[in-house]
Amino acid sequence: MTEDLLKKLVNTLSSLPGIGKKSAYRIGFHLIRMEETRFQQLIENLKEIKENIKFCKTCGSITDREVCDICLSETRSNEFLCVVEMPEDIFFIENTGEFKGKYHVLGGVISPIDGIGPDKLKISELLERLKSSSIKELLIATNPTLEGDATASYIANLLKDTDIRFTRIAHGVTIGSTLEFADQYTLGRAIRGRQKL
């Protein structure tokens, strides 16, 4: 019986992204040893977050209201729109302090092998937003993967007859790294995306 419960605990925890079996065991045993009041507080916090977090009706970001603070902001530019794969990508871009426009979350990338076509992403919502807005530049910030590149190309192709400037985040060799550690795909992207000095 105990083994079954431990197996269930480990399977539950390892179903989360980035948590393998070893980490699941470590977290699981920590939860078992946790003081009851702290454990209940953890459960209550998770429940409260799950019940109150929703997705912004405009951009698809995470918020606790109908429309997120970024979409409502009057200080952010309505002329620049950054397209990302998932809501958490906004968090990483915001941490740079470099982007002052607004966002659109696709909800994934085109991946035929996984059965994900353009119709399963929020591409039609993106096109609707572009029709009814003053957006001048669309920055595609999908991950530098084959699927991310395919999605960026698909969107660029849809917009080729518009006046919207289409840009893509730069990809290449990581700062502080060396060429020997860059894979051929990354290095190739860095060479193609070279800049004039």
Protein backbone atom coordinates (compact mmCIF):
# COMPACT_ATOMS: atom_id res chain seq x y z
CA MET A 1 0.00 0.00 0.00
CA THR A 2 2.78 2.46 0.95
CA GLU A 3 4.63 1.67 -2.27
CA ASP A 4 1.50 2.36 -4.31
CA LEU A 5 1.00 5.72 -2.59
CA LEU A 6 4.65 6.69 -3.15
CA LYS A 7 4.42 5.64 -6.79
CA LYS A 8 1.28 7.75 -7.19
CA LEU A 9 3.01 10.73 -5.55
CA VAL A 10 6.10 10.42 -7.77
CA ASN A 11 4.02 9.94 -10.93
CA THR A 12 1.94 13.00 -10.06
CA LEU A 13 4.97 15.21 -9.41
CA SER A 14 6.99 13.94 -12.39
CA SER A 15 4.08 14.82 -14.69
CA LEU A 16 5.08 18.47 -14.16
CA PRO A 17 7.51 19.93 -16.73
CA GLY A 18 11.18 19.81 -15.75
CA ILE A 19 10.66 17.35 -12.89
CA GLY A 20 12.18 13.93 -13.43
CA LYS A 21 11.80 10.87 -11.22
CA LYS A 22 14.71 11.81 -8.89
CA SER A 23 13.39 15.32 -8.33
CA ALA A 24 9.88 13.94 -7.86
CA TYR A 25 11.13 11.61 -5.11
CA ARG A 26 12.99 14.46 -3.41
CA ILE A 27 10.00 16.83 -3.57
CA GLY A 28 7.63 14.03 -2.56
CA PHE A 29 9.58 13.13 0.58
CA HIS A 30 9.84 16.83 1.42
CA LEU A 31 6.05 17.14 1.18
CA ILE A 32 5.56 14.06 3.37
CA ARG A 33 7.87 15.50 6.06
CA MET A 34 6.33 18.97 5.84
CA GLU A 35 4.53 20.28 8.91
CA GLU A 36 0.76 19.87 8.46
CA THR A 37 -0.08 23.60 8.70
CA ARG A 38 2.58 24.51 6.13
CA PHE A 39 1.39 21.71 3.85
CA GLN A 40 -2.23 22.89 4.09
CA GLN A 41 -1.10 26.47 3.39
CA LEU A 42 0.72 25.24 0.26
CA ILE A 43 -2.43 23.42 -0.91
CA GLU A 44 -4.61 26.47 -0.19
CA ASN A 45 -2.22 28.78 -2.05
CA LEU A 46 -2.21 26.50 -5.10
CA LYS A 47 -6.02 26.29 -5.05
CA GLU A 48 -6.39 30.06 -4.75
CA ILE A 49 -3.98 30.67 -7.60
CA LYS A 50 -5.67 28.09 -9.84
CA GLU A 51 -9.13 29.53 -9.11
CA ASN A 52 -8.14 33.17 -9.69
CA ILE A 53 -5.65 33.09 -12.55
CA LYS A 54 -7.17 33.33 -16.02
CA PHE A 55 -6.10 34.26 -19.51
CA CYS A 56 -6.37 37.80 -20.83
CA LYS A 57 -9.20 38.14 -23.36
CA THR A 58 -7.08 40.41 -25.53
CA CYS A 59 -3.59 38.91 -25.64
CA GLY A 60 -3.82 35.50 -23.90
CA SER A 61 -1.41 36.37 -21.09
CA ILE A 62 -1.94 35.30 -17.49
CA THR A 63 -3.96 37.71 -15.37
CA ASP A 64 -6.40 37.83 -12.47
CA ARG A 65 -8.81 40.04 -14.43
CA GLU A 66 -10.57 39.93 -17.81
CA VAL A 67 -7.82 42.03 -19.47
CA CYS A 68 -4.20 42.15 -18.28
CA ASP A 69 -2.30 45.23 -17.10
CA ILE A 70 -0.11 45.34 -20.24
CA CYS A 71 -3.12 45.44 -22.58
CA LEU A 72 -4.75 48.14 -20.44
CA SER A 73 -1.59 50.22 -20.14
CA GLU A 74 -1.65 53.63 -21.81
CA THR A 75 2.10 54.02 -21.51
CA ARG A 76 2.86 51.04 -23.74
CA SER A 77 2.98 51.46 -27.50
CA ASN A 78 0.00 50.23 -29.51
CA GLU A 79 2.18 50.24 -32.65
CA PHE A 80 4.38 47.29 -31.62
CA LEU A 81 3.08 43.78 -31.03
CA CYS A 82 5.23 40.89 -29.86
CA VAL A 83 3.99 37.40 -30.72
CA VAL A 84 5.04 34.64 -28.30
CA GLU A 85 4.35 30.92 -28.00
CA MET A 86 3.16 30.75 -24.39
CA PRO A 87 2.09 33.21 -21.64
CA GLU A 88 5.27 32.57 -19.62
CA ASP A 89 7.35 33.92 -22.54
CA ILE A 90 5.96 37.39 -21.78
CA PHE A 91 7.49 37.19 -18.31
CA PHE A 92 10.96 36.52 -19.74
CA ILE A 93 10.72 39.32 -22.30
CA GLU A 94 9.39 41.76 -19.70
CA ASN A 95 12.39 41.00 -17.48
CA THR A 96 14.70 42.44 -20.16
CA GLY A 97 13.00 45.85 -20.00
CA GLU A 98 13.61 46.16 -23.75
CA PHE A 99 10.12 45.77 -25.22
CA LYS A 100 7.58 48.55 -24.69
CA GLY A 101 4.74 47.33 -26.88
CA LYS A 102 1.96 44.81 -26.35
CA TYR A 103 1.73 41.03 -26.76
CA HIS A 104 -0.14 38.21 -28.43
CA VAL A 105 0.10 34.61 -27.19
CA LEU A 106 -0.27 31.90 -29.85
CA GLY A 107 -0.69 29.03 -27.40
CA GLY A 108 2.03 26.91 -29.02
CA VAL A 109 3.71 26.42 -32.38
CA ILE A 110 2.89 24.63 -35.62
CA SER A 111 4.02 21.03 -35.19
CA PRO A 112 2.54 18.54 -37.69
CA ILE A 113 4.26 15.63 -35.94
CA ASP A 114 2.26 16.49 -32.79
CA GLY A 115 -0.92 17.14 -34.77
CA ILE A 116 -0.79 20.91 -34.18
CA GLY A 117 -1.72 22.93 -37.23
CA PRO A 118 -2.29 26.70 -37.57
CA ASP A 119 -5.98 26.19 -36.78
CA LYS A 120 -5.10 25.02 -33.25
CA LEU A 121 -3.18 28.23 -32.50
CA LYS A 122 -4.46 31.77 -31.96
CA ILE A 123 -3.38 32.90 -35.40
CA SER A 124 -6.86 33.89 -36.59
CA GLU A 125 -7.22 36.00 -33.40
CA LEU A 126 -3.89 37.63 -34.25
CA LEU A 127 -5.08 38.51 -37.75
CA GLU A 128 -8.28 40.00 -36.28
CA ARG A 129 -6.23 42.12 -33.87
CA LEU A 130 -4.08 43.38 -36.73
CA LYS A 131 -7.14 44.40 -38.75
CA SER A 132 -8.59 46.51 -35.97
CA SER A 133 -5.46 48.16 -34.63
CA SER A 134 -2.69 50.64 -35.40
CA ILE A 135 0.12 48.06 -35.24
CA LYS A 136 3.10 48.99 -37.42
CA GLU A 137 5.58 46.33 -36.34
CA LEU A 138 5.08 42.68 -35.48
CA LEU A 139 7.95 41.10 -33.54
CA ILE A 140 7.83 37.30 -33.66
CA ALA A 141 9.48 35.89 -30.53
CA THR A 142 8.89 32.18 -31.00
CA ASN A 143 11.65 29.86 -29.81
CA PRO A 144 14.60 29.19 -32.15
CA THR A 145 13.43 25.68 -33.03
CA LEU A 146 12.28 24.21 -36.33
CA GLU A 147 8.67 24.52 -35.13
CA GLY A 148 9.21 28.08 -33.92
CA ASP A 149 10.80 29.04 -37.23
CA ALA A 150 8.01 27.35 -39.21
CA THR A 151 5.40 29.24 -37.19
CA ALA A 152 7.22 32.56 -37.72
CA SER A 153 7.46 31.87 -41.48
CA TYR A 154 3.79 30.93 -41.66
CA ILE A 155 2.73 34.18 -39.98
CA ALA A 156 5.14 36.23 -42.13
CA ASN A 157 3.66 34.66 -45.24
CA LEU A 158 0.14 35.56 -44.13
CA LEU A 159 1.22 39.18 -43.63
CA LYS A 160 3.38 39.64 -46.72
CA ASP A 161 0.79 41.85 -48.44
CA THR A 162 0.30 44.21 -45.49
CA ASP A 163 2.16 47.39 -44.52
CA ILE A 164 3.12 45.88 -41.17
CA ARG A 165 6.87 45.57 -40.61
CA PHE A 166 7.71 41.98 -39.74
CA THR A 167 10.69 41.28 -37.45
CA ARG A 168 12.06 38.25 -35.62
CA ILE A 169 14.09 38.12 -32.42
CA ALA A 170 17.77 37.54 -33.11
CA HIS A 171 19.14 34.08 -32.44
CA GLY A 172 22.68 32.92 -32.24
CA VAL A 173 25.62 32.08 -30.03
CA THR A 174 25.01 32.75 -26.34
CA ILE A 175 26.97 35.66 -24.88
CA GLY A 176 29.84 34.34 -22.79
CA SER A 177 29.88 31.02 -24.64
CA THR A 178 32.36 29.71 -27.22
CA LEU A 179 31.80 28.48 -30.76
CA GLU A 180 32.77 24.91 -29.87
CA PHE A 181 29.67 24.60 -27.66
CA ALA A 182 27.22 25.98 -30.24
CA ASP A 183 25.35 23.37 -32.27
CA GLN A 184 25.39 23.70 -36.05
CA TYR A 185 21.79 24.99 -36.21
CA THR A 186 22.50 27.80 -33.70
CA LEU A 187 25.80 28.71 -35.32
CA GLY A 188 24.17 28.73 -38.76
CA ARG A 189 21.47 31.09 -37.48
CA ALA A 190 24.13 33.35 -35.98
CA ILE A 191 25.99 33.54 -39.31
CA ARG A 192 22.81 34.24 -41.30
CA GLY A 193 21.79 36.92 -38.77
CA ARG A 194 25.18 38.64 -38.76
CA GLN A 195 25.25 42.42 -38.31
CA LYS A 196 27.44 45.14 -39.76
CA LEU A 197 30.03 46.53 -37.33
